């Protein structure tokens, strides 16, 4: 069984709004973790948030980088010019830059970068204006997470993608939205359901994990996932919502090794008695 798995390291906003930290994270992913698919996030906060949300305090003040939630989000937000720098830096290190678009303005900016992959997060997967825009104006792969999403909503998302003739460019991610998610709420078998329902249309299926550890990612391969996305941080104790559900460099490195080992082992025998078995068969086999 020949399979390929794509491991996406989601830096997101774990760079703390610091371009140098973001570049350091890219370097550690490429040179230490051997991960070369790296994702960030892009928001137009004043379009995405209501005035009340923008000007209210952060719901978890201990994680806030500003007096209001808007200030907090702006502090962590990179400009389009900074995203261009990150795109170029990834390219220099032979890594693939990708990004989540949280609103249509961000989607339009990211499409200008001529990148190959844009993600729509669970929170925004019912923004049909943005999905329709990407279907018509972005030629790359469209990744969509399905956390917090009803099956009826999932069908509407897929039908819009299919109507635009882009089903073969869709990657649907099984996802539970929580930071971190307890093991019993991961619901890994959703991968199998998504594969059964959508692979026949040419879609790929992914797993976006928000749990602590690396114990179940390998199983997603067996269930039909070809993409695995995990959040990445340099320090899980840093201030911010996502760090606790992220992998530090050693964890991401071990995950990449585990996935590669699993792919090597995932095959049928190519002959009844393998070369490695012949000596043992001659030595140990009884009742021949």
Protein backbone atom coordinates (compact mmCIF):
# COMPACT_ATOMS: atom_id res chain seq x y z
CA UNK A 1 0.00 0.00 0.00
CA UNK A 2 1.70 3.18 -1.23
CA UNK A 3 0.53 6.27 0.64
CA UNK A 4 1.79 9.77 1.11
CA UNK A 5 1.12 11.85 4.21
CA UNK A 6 1.49 15.62 4.39
CA UNK A 7 2.34 17.03 7.83
CA UNK A 8 1.32 20.67 8.25
CA UNK A 9 2.88 22.65 11.09
CA UNK A 10 0.38 25.35 12.08
CA UNK A 11 2.32 28.29 13.51
CA UNK A 12 -0.86 30.35 13.37
CA UNK A 13 -0.36 33.25 15.78
CA UNK A 14 2.04 31.43 18.11
CA UNK A 15 4.77 33.81 16.91
CA UNK A 16 3.45 36.41 19.41
CA UNK A 17 3.35 39.07 16.69
CA UNK A 18 7.14 38.97 16.27
CA UNK A 19 8.52 38.38 12.75
CA UNK A 20 11.88 37.21 14.09
CA UNK A 21 10.20 34.58 16.26
CA UNK A 22 8.18 33.46 13.21
CA UNK A 23 11.37 33.04 11.19
CA UNK A 24 13.01 31.16 14.04
CA UNK A 25 10.01 28.81 14.12
CA UNK A 26 10.31 28.21 10.37
CA UNK A 27 14.01 27.38 10.78
CA UNK A 28 13.37 24.91 13.59
CA UNK A 29 10.62 23.21 11.60
CA UNK A 30 12.78 22.84 8.50
CA UNK A 31 16.16 21.98 10.03
CA UNK A 32 15.26 20.20 13.28
CA UNK A 33 11.77 18.78 12.75
CA UNK A 34 12.17 17.98 9.03
CA UNK A 35 8.76 19.52 8.40
CA UNK A 36 8.51 21.70 5.32
CA UNK A 37 4.79 22.51 5.13
CA UNK A 38 4.17 25.55 7.32
CA UNK A 39 0.96 27.48 7.92
CA UNK A 40 0.12 30.91 9.32
CA UNK A 41 -3.15 32.85 9.76
CA UNK A 42 -4.42 36.11 8.24
CA UNK A 43 -7.27 38.29 9.49
CA UNK A 44 -8.83 41.66 8.73
CA UNK A 45 -9.90 42.11 12.33
CA UNK A 46 -12.19 45.10 11.78
CA UNK A 47 -14.11 43.18 9.12
CA UNK A 48 -14.11 39.90 11.02
CA UNK A 49 -15.18 41.25 14.43
CA UNK A 50 -18.22 43.28 15.41
CA UNK A 51 -17.59 46.66 17.08
CA UNK A 52 -18.66 45.12 20.38
CA UNK A 53 -16.24 42.17 20.01
CA UNK A 54 -13.42 44.45 18.89
CA UNK A 55 -13.78 46.86 21.80
CA UNK A 56 -14.56 44.35 24.56
CA UNK A 57 -11.92 42.87 26.85
CA UNK A 58 -10.38 39.51 25.89
CA UNK A 59 -12.61 36.71 27.29
CA UNK A 60 -9.46 35.18 28.87
CA UNK A 61 -7.51 38.24 30.11
CA UNK A 62 -4.48 36.15 31.09
CA UNK A 63 -3.97 35.34 27.38
CA UNK A 64 -4.43 38.90 26.12
CA UNK A 65 -1.80 41.03 24.36
CA UNK A 66 -3.94 44.19 24.56
CA UNK A 67 -6.57 46.05 26.58
CA UNK A 68 -9.38 44.94 24.24
CA UNK A 69 -9.88 41.84 22.14
CA UNK A 70 -9.34 44.01 19.05
CA UNK A 71 -6.04 45.31 20.44
CA UNK A 72 -5.05 41.73 21.21
CA UNK A 73 -5.80 40.52 17.69
CA UNK A 74 -4.04 43.49 16.07
CA UNK A 75 -0.94 42.89 18.18
CA UNK A 76 -0.69 39.34 16.84
CA UNK A 77 -1.57 40.20 13.24
CA UNK A 78 1.07 40.33 10.51
CA UNK A 79 0.61 42.77 7.63
CA UNK A 80 0.40 41.60 4.03
CA UNK A 81 3.99 42.82 3.56
CA UNK A 82 5.12 40.68 6.50
CA UNK A 83 3.32 37.66 5.06
CA UNK A 84 5.18 38.28 1.80
CA UNK A 85 8.42 38.13 3.78
CA UNK A 86 7.40 34.86 5.43
CA UNK A 87 6.39 33.43 2.05
CA UNK A 88 9.79 34.35 0.62
CA UNK A 89 11.62 33.03 3.69
CA UNK A 90 9.84 29.68 3.41
CA UNK A 91 10.70 29.58 -0.28
CA UNK A 92 14.35 30.30 0.51
CA UNK A 93 14.43 27.33 2.91
CA UNK A 94 12.55 25.12 0.42
CA UNK A 95 9.46 25.00 2.62
CA UNK A 96 5.84 25.40 1.51
CA UNK A 97 4.13 28.48 2.95
CA UNK A 98 0.37 28.29 3.46
CA UNK A 99 -2.11 30.36 5.40
CA UNK A 100 -5.62 30.39 6.84
CA UNK A 101 -7.92 33.15 5.61
CA UNK A 102 -10.44 34.28 8.22
CA UNK A 103 -12.33 36.71 5.94
CA UNK A 104 -12.69 37.58 2.28
CA UNK A 105 -10.27 40.54 2.42
CA UNK A 106 -7.56 38.23 3.74
CA UNK A 107 -8.43 35.62 1.11
CA UNK A 108 -8.01 38.21 -1.65
CA UNK A 109 -4.60 39.26 -0.29
CA UNK A 110 -3.38 35.69 0.06
CA UNK A 111 -4.51 34.82 -3.47
CA UNK A 112 -2.20 37.61 -4.72
CA UNK A 113 0.79 35.74 -3.23
CA UNK A 114 0.17 32.93 -5.73
CA UNK A 115 0.54 30.33 -3.00
CA UNK A 116 -0.57 26.73 -3.55
CA UNK A 117 -2.69 26.22 -0.44
CA UNK A 118 -5.22 28.35 1.47
CA UNK A 119 -7.10 27.09 4.53
CA UNK A 120 -10.54 28.16 5.74
CA UNK A 121 -10.77 27.60 9.49
CA UNK A 122 -13.71 25.98 11.24
CA UNK A 123 -14.86 29.35 12.59
CA UNK A 124 -15.32 30.74 9.06
CA UNK A 125 -16.34 27.74 6.97
CA UNK A 126 -19.86 29.14 6.51
CA UNK A 127 -18.52 32.29 4.85
CA UNK A 128 -19.88 31.28 1.47
CA UNK A 129 -18.84 34.58 -0.11
CA UNK A 130 -15.20 33.79 0.73
CA UNK A 131 -15.48 30.16 -0.39
CA UNK A 132 -17.07 31.23 -3.68
CA UNK A 133 -14.34 33.85 -4.22
CA UNK A 134 -11.58 31.29 -3.69
CA UNK A 135 -13.27 28.78 -5.98
CA UNK A 136 -13.35 31.34 -8.79
CA UNK A 137 -10.10 33.25 -8.20
CA UNK A 138 -7.64 30.88 -6.49
CA UNK A 139 -6.16 28.01 -8.46
CA UNK A 140 -4.53 26.13 -5.57
CA UNK A 141 -5.84 23.64 -3.02
CA UNK A 142 -8.65 24.75 -0.70
CA UNK A 143 -8.37 23.29 2.80
CA UNK A 144 -11.44 23.48 5.06
CA UNK A 145 -11.73 22.43 8.72
CA UNK A 146 -15.04 21.05 9.97
CA UNK A 147 -14.89 21.78 13.69
CA UNK A 148 -18.13 23.14 15.22
CA UNK A 149 -19.94 22.19 12.00
CA UNK A 150 -23.25 20.34 11.56
CA UNK A 151 -23.50 17.70 8.84
CA UNK A 152 -26.14 19.80 7.05
CA UNK A 153 -23.68 22.72 7.00
CA UNK A 154 -20.89 20.40 5.82
CA UNK A 155 -23.07 19.38 2.86
CA UNK A 156 -23.73 23.02 1.94
CA UNK A 157 -19.99 23.73 1.97
CA UNK A 158 -19.25 20.74 -0.22
CA UNK A 159 -22.09 21.45 -2.65
CA UNK A 160 -20.78 24.99 -3.23
CA UNK A 161 -17.28 23.66 -3.88
CA UNK A 162 -18.66 20.98 -6.23
CA UNK A 163 -20.90 23.47 -8.04
CA UNK A 164 -17.80 25.51 -8.83
CA UNK A 165 -16.04 22.42 -10.21
CA UNK A 166 -13.41 22.42 -7.46
CA UNK A 167 -14.14 19.17 -5.59
CA UNK A 168 -10.76 17.72 -6.67
CA UNK A 169 -9.02 20.70 -5.07
CA UNK A 170 -10.77 20.29 -1.70
CA UNK A 171 -9.20 18.92 1.49
CA UNK A 172 -11.77 18.40 4.26
CA UNK A 173 -10.34 18.14 7.80
CA UNK A 174 -11.91 16.17 10.61
CA UNK A 175 -11.51 18.50 13.56
CA UNK A 176 -12.77 19.14 17.07
CA UNK A 177 -12.51 22.79 18.08
CA UNK A 178 -11.00 22.95 21.55
CA UNK A 179 -7.61 23.90 23.03
CA UNK A 180 -6.69 21.26 24.06
CA UNK A 181 -9.22 18.54 23.20
CA UNK A 182 -9.56 15.47 25.48
CA UNK A 183 -8.96 12.16 23.71
CA UNK A 184 -12.60 11.06 23.98
CA UNK A 185 -13.70 14.15 22.00
CA UNK A 186 -11.28 13.68 19.08
CA UNK A 187 -13.75 11.32 17.34
CA UNK A 188 -11.11 9.98 14.98
CA UNK A 189 -13.61 7.81 13.10
CA UNK A 190 -14.99 10.99 11.52
CA UNK A 191 -12.01 10.68 9.16
CA UNK A 192 -13.38 7.37 7.91
CA UNK A 193 -16.83 8.88 7.42
CA UNK A 194 -15.47 11.85 5.49
CA UNK A 195 -13.35 9.54 3.33
CA UNK A 196 -16.39 7.39 2.58
CA UNK A 197 -18.57 10.40 1.71
CA UNK A 198 -16.18 12.59 -0.27
CA UNK A 199 -13.16 10.70 -1.65
CA UNK A 200 -15.30 9.44 -4.52
CA UNK A 201 -15.48 13.05 -5.73
CA UNK A 202 -11.68 13.41 -5.73
CA UNK A 203 -11.45 15.18 -2.36
CA UNK A 204 -8.65 14.49 0.08
CA UNK A 205 -9.24 14.08 3.81
CA UNK A 206 -7.16 15.50 6.66
CA UNK A 207 -6.98 15.43 10.43
CA UNK A 208 -6.53 18.66 12.39
CA UNK A 209 -5.49 17.66 15.89
CA UNK A 210 -5.82 19.94 18.91
CA UNK A 211 -5.00 17.41 21.59
CA UNK A 212 -1.96 17.05 23.84
CA UNK A 213 0.60 14.56 22.59
CA UNK A 214 1.16 12.56 19.41
CA UNK A 215 -0.50 9.25 20.27
CA UNK A 216 -3.33 9.10 17.70
CA UNK A 217 -2.07 10.88 14.56
CA UNK A 218 -0.70 7.63 13.08
CA UNK A 219 -4.16 6.06 13.21
CA UNK A 220 -5.55 8.82 10.98
CA UNK A 221 -3.48 7.40 8.10
CA UNK A 222 -5.24 4.04 8.40
CA UNK A 223 -8.63 5.78 8.40
CA UNK A 224 -7.99 7.63 5.14
CA UNK A 225 -6.24 10.90 6.02
CA UNK A 226 -3.51 12.16 3.71
CA UNK A 227 -3.04 15.46 5.56
CA UNK A 228 -2.27 15.93 9.26
CA UNK A 229 -2.19 19.41 10.79
CA UNK A 230 -0.81 20.15 14.24
CA UNK A 231 -0.22 23.48 15.95
CA UNK A 232 3.42 24.37 16.63
CA UNK A 233 5.04 26.51 19.33
CA UNK A 234 8.49 27.04 20.76
CA UNK A 235 7.13 26.96 24.31
CA UNK A 236 3.79 25.55 25.47
CA UNK A 237 3.83 27.84 28.53
CA UNK A 238 3.81 31.05 26.47
CA UNK A 239 0.82 33.34 26.83
CA UNK A 240 -1.95 32.61 24.34
CA UNK A 241 -4.87 30.27 23.69
CA UNK A 242 -3.22 27.89 21.21
CA UNK A 243 0.10 27.10 22.91
CA UNK A 244 -1.33 24.46 25.27
CA UNK A 245 -2.65 22.46 22.30
CA UNK A 246 0.57 22.83 20.29
CA UNK A 247 3.65 20.68 19.82
CA UNK A 248 7.10 21.95 20.75
CA UNK A 249 10.02 21.21 18.39
CA UNK A 250 10.87 17.81 19.87
CA UNK A 251 7.23 16.71 19.71
CA UNK A 252 6.85 17.80 16.08
CA UNK A 253 10.11 16.07 15.18
CA UNK A 254 9.02 12.82 16.82
CA UNK A 255 5.62 13.03 15.12
CA UNK A 256 7.27 13.36 11.69
CA UNK A 257 9.48 10.33 12.42
CA UNK A 258 6.49 8.30 13.66
CA UNK A 259 4.49 9.09 10.52
CA UNK A 260 7.39 8.15 8.26
CA UNK A 261 7.87 4.87 10.16
CA UNK A 262 4.16 4.08 9.88
CA UNK A 263 4.20 4.63 6.11
CA UNK A 264 7.19 2.29 5.77
CA UNK A 265 5.36 -0.43 7.70
CA UNK A 266 2.00 0.03 5.95
CA UNK A 267 2.12 -2.65 3.24
CA UNK A 268 1.12 -6.19 2.36
CA UNK A 269 3.69 -8.96 2.00
CA UNK A 270 5.13 -9.01 -1.52
CA UNK A 271 5.83 -12.75 -1.22
CA UNK A 272 4.61 -15.53 1.06
CA UNK A 273 7.98 -15.99 2.80
CA UNK A 274 10.03 -12.80 3.07
CA UNK A 275 13.81 -12.85 2.70
CA UNK A 276 14.19 -11.96 6.36
CA UNK A 277 12.05 -15.01 7.29
CA UNK A 278 13.87 -17.67 5.24
CA UNK A 279 16.63 -18.41 7.73
CA UNK A 280 14.18 -18.43 10.66
CA UNK A 281 11.81 -20.73 8.76
CA UNK A 282 14.61 -23.18 8.08
CA UNK A 283 15.77 -23.03 11.69
CA UNK A 284 12.46 -22.94 13.60
CA UNK A 285 9.54 -24.13 11.48
CA UNK A 286 8.07 -27.47 12.57
CA UNK A 287 5.76 -30.04 10.92
CA UNK A 288 6.76 -29.17 7.37
